[in-house]
Amino acid sequence: MTKPIQFTKEERTAIGGRIRDFFSKELDQDISQLQAEMTLDFFGAEIGGWFYNRGLYDAQAVVTARAEETVEAIYALERTADFKR
């Protein structure tokens, strides 16, 4: 079983506020902070993995690109020699 995504109390409060604002503005429905945090927990459990994995894929692409740039920079430092690798 994977470890659930966890937020600090301050993060949960801030995210809950954003959820409450969304429900109020977009759905014309007022919800409590507890309901907002329950919504956060639901979406985190049900679809959070997709967002988390997308972040991992994006980070991996950046690291791969930087590694390729580093390899090219190292090759550019090579000097003429009587031997080859």
Protein backbone atom coordinates (compact mmCIF):
# COMPACT_ATOMS: atom_id res chain seq x y z
CA MET A 1 0.00 0.00 0.00
CA THR A 2 1.32 3.44 -0.87
CA LYS A 3 1.75 6.17 1.67
CA PRO A 4 -1.00 8.78 1.39
CA ILE A 5 -0.08 12.34 0.49
CA GLN A 6 0.06 14.30 3.72
CA PHE A 7 -0.20 18.03 4.30
CA THR A 8 0.61 20.11 7.37
CA LYS A 9 -2.23 21.59 9.38
CA GLU A 10 -1.51 24.99 7.83
CA GLU A 11 -1.55 23.51 4.31
CA ARG A 12 -4.83 21.68 4.99
CA THR A 13 -6.38 24.92 6.26
CA ALA A 14 -5.21 26.85 3.19
CA ILE A 15 -6.32 24.15 0.74
CA GLY A 16 -9.63 23.80 2.58
CA GLY A 17 -10.16 27.54 2.15
CA ARG A 18 -9.59 27.25 -1.60
CA ILE A 19 -12.06 24.37 -1.79
CA ARG A 20 -14.63 26.36 0.19
CA ASP A 21 -14.15 29.33 -2.14
CA PHE A 22 -14.64 27.08 -5.18
CA PHE A 23 -17.84 25.58 -3.79
CA SER A 24 -19.16 29.02 -2.92
CA LYS A 25 -18.28 30.79 -6.17
CA GLU A 26 -18.74 28.01 -8.72
CA LEU A 27 -21.44 25.86 -7.13
CA ASP A 28 -23.21 28.48 -4.99
CA GLN A 29 -22.90 26.14 -2.02
CA ASP A 30 -21.44 26.93 1.38
CA ILE A 31 -19.50 24.13 3.05
CA SER A 32 -17.66 23.94 6.35
CA GLN A 33 -13.91 23.63 6.77
CA LEU A 34 -14.43 20.01 7.82
CA GLN A 35 -16.39 19.28 4.65
CA ALA A 36 -13.70 20.97 2.59
CA GLU A 37 -10.99 18.85 4.22
CA MET A 38 -13.06 15.71 3.67
CA THR A 39 -13.30 16.70 0.00
CA LEU A 40 -9.52 17.14 -0.04
CA ASP A 41 -9.05 13.69 1.48
CA PHE A 42 -11.44 12.13 -1.03
CA PHE A 43 -9.76 13.67 -4.08
CA GLY A 44 -6.31 12.98 -2.67
CA ALA A 45 -7.15 9.31 -2.24
CA GLU A 46 -9.03 8.92 -5.53
CA ILE A 47 -7.03 11.01 -8.01
CA GLY A 48 -4.04 12.35 -6.10
CA GLY A 49 -1.84 9.60 -7.50
CA TRP A 50 -2.33 10.86 -11.04
CA PHE A 51 -1.23 14.37 -10.10
CA TYR A 52 1.67 13.04 -8.04
CA ASN A 53 2.85 10.77 -10.87
CA ARG A 54 2.58 13.61 -13.41
CA GLY A 55 4.85 15.66 -11.16
CA LEU A 56 7.32 12.78 -11.00
CA TYR A 57 7.29 12.36 -14.79
CA ASP A 58 7.85 16.09 -15.28
CA ALA A 59 10.72 16.09 -12.75
CA GLN A 60 12.27 13.04 -14.41
CA ALA A 61 12.15 14.78 -17.80
CA VAL A 62 13.96 17.81 -16.36
CA VAL A 63 16.64 15.66 -14.70
CA THR A 64 17.13 13.63 -17.90
CA ALA A 65 17.51 16.79 -20.00
CA ARG A 66 20.01 18.27 -17.53
CA ALA A 67 21.99 15.02 -17.45
CA GLU A 68 22.22 15.01 -21.24
CA GLU A 69 23.40 18.63 -21.20
CA THR A 70 26.03 17.72 -18.62
CA VAL A 71 27.30 14.80 -20.69
CA GLU A 72 27.58 17.06 -23.73
CA ALA A 73 29.44 19.68 -21.68
CA ILE A 74 31.88 17.04 -20.44
CA TYR A 75 32.53 15.80 -23.98
CA ALA A 76 33.22 19.40 -25.00
CA LEU A 77 36.06 19.47 -22.45
CA GLU A 78 37.88 16.57 -24.10
CA ARG A 79 41.26 17.34 -25.58
CA THR A 80 43.12 15.76 -28.45
CA ALA A 81 45.06 12.72 -27.30
CA ASP A 82 46.83 9.73 -28.81
CA PHE A 83 44.24 7.38 -27.40
CA LYS A 84 40.49 7.03 -27.54
CA ARG A 85 38.17 5.47 -25.05
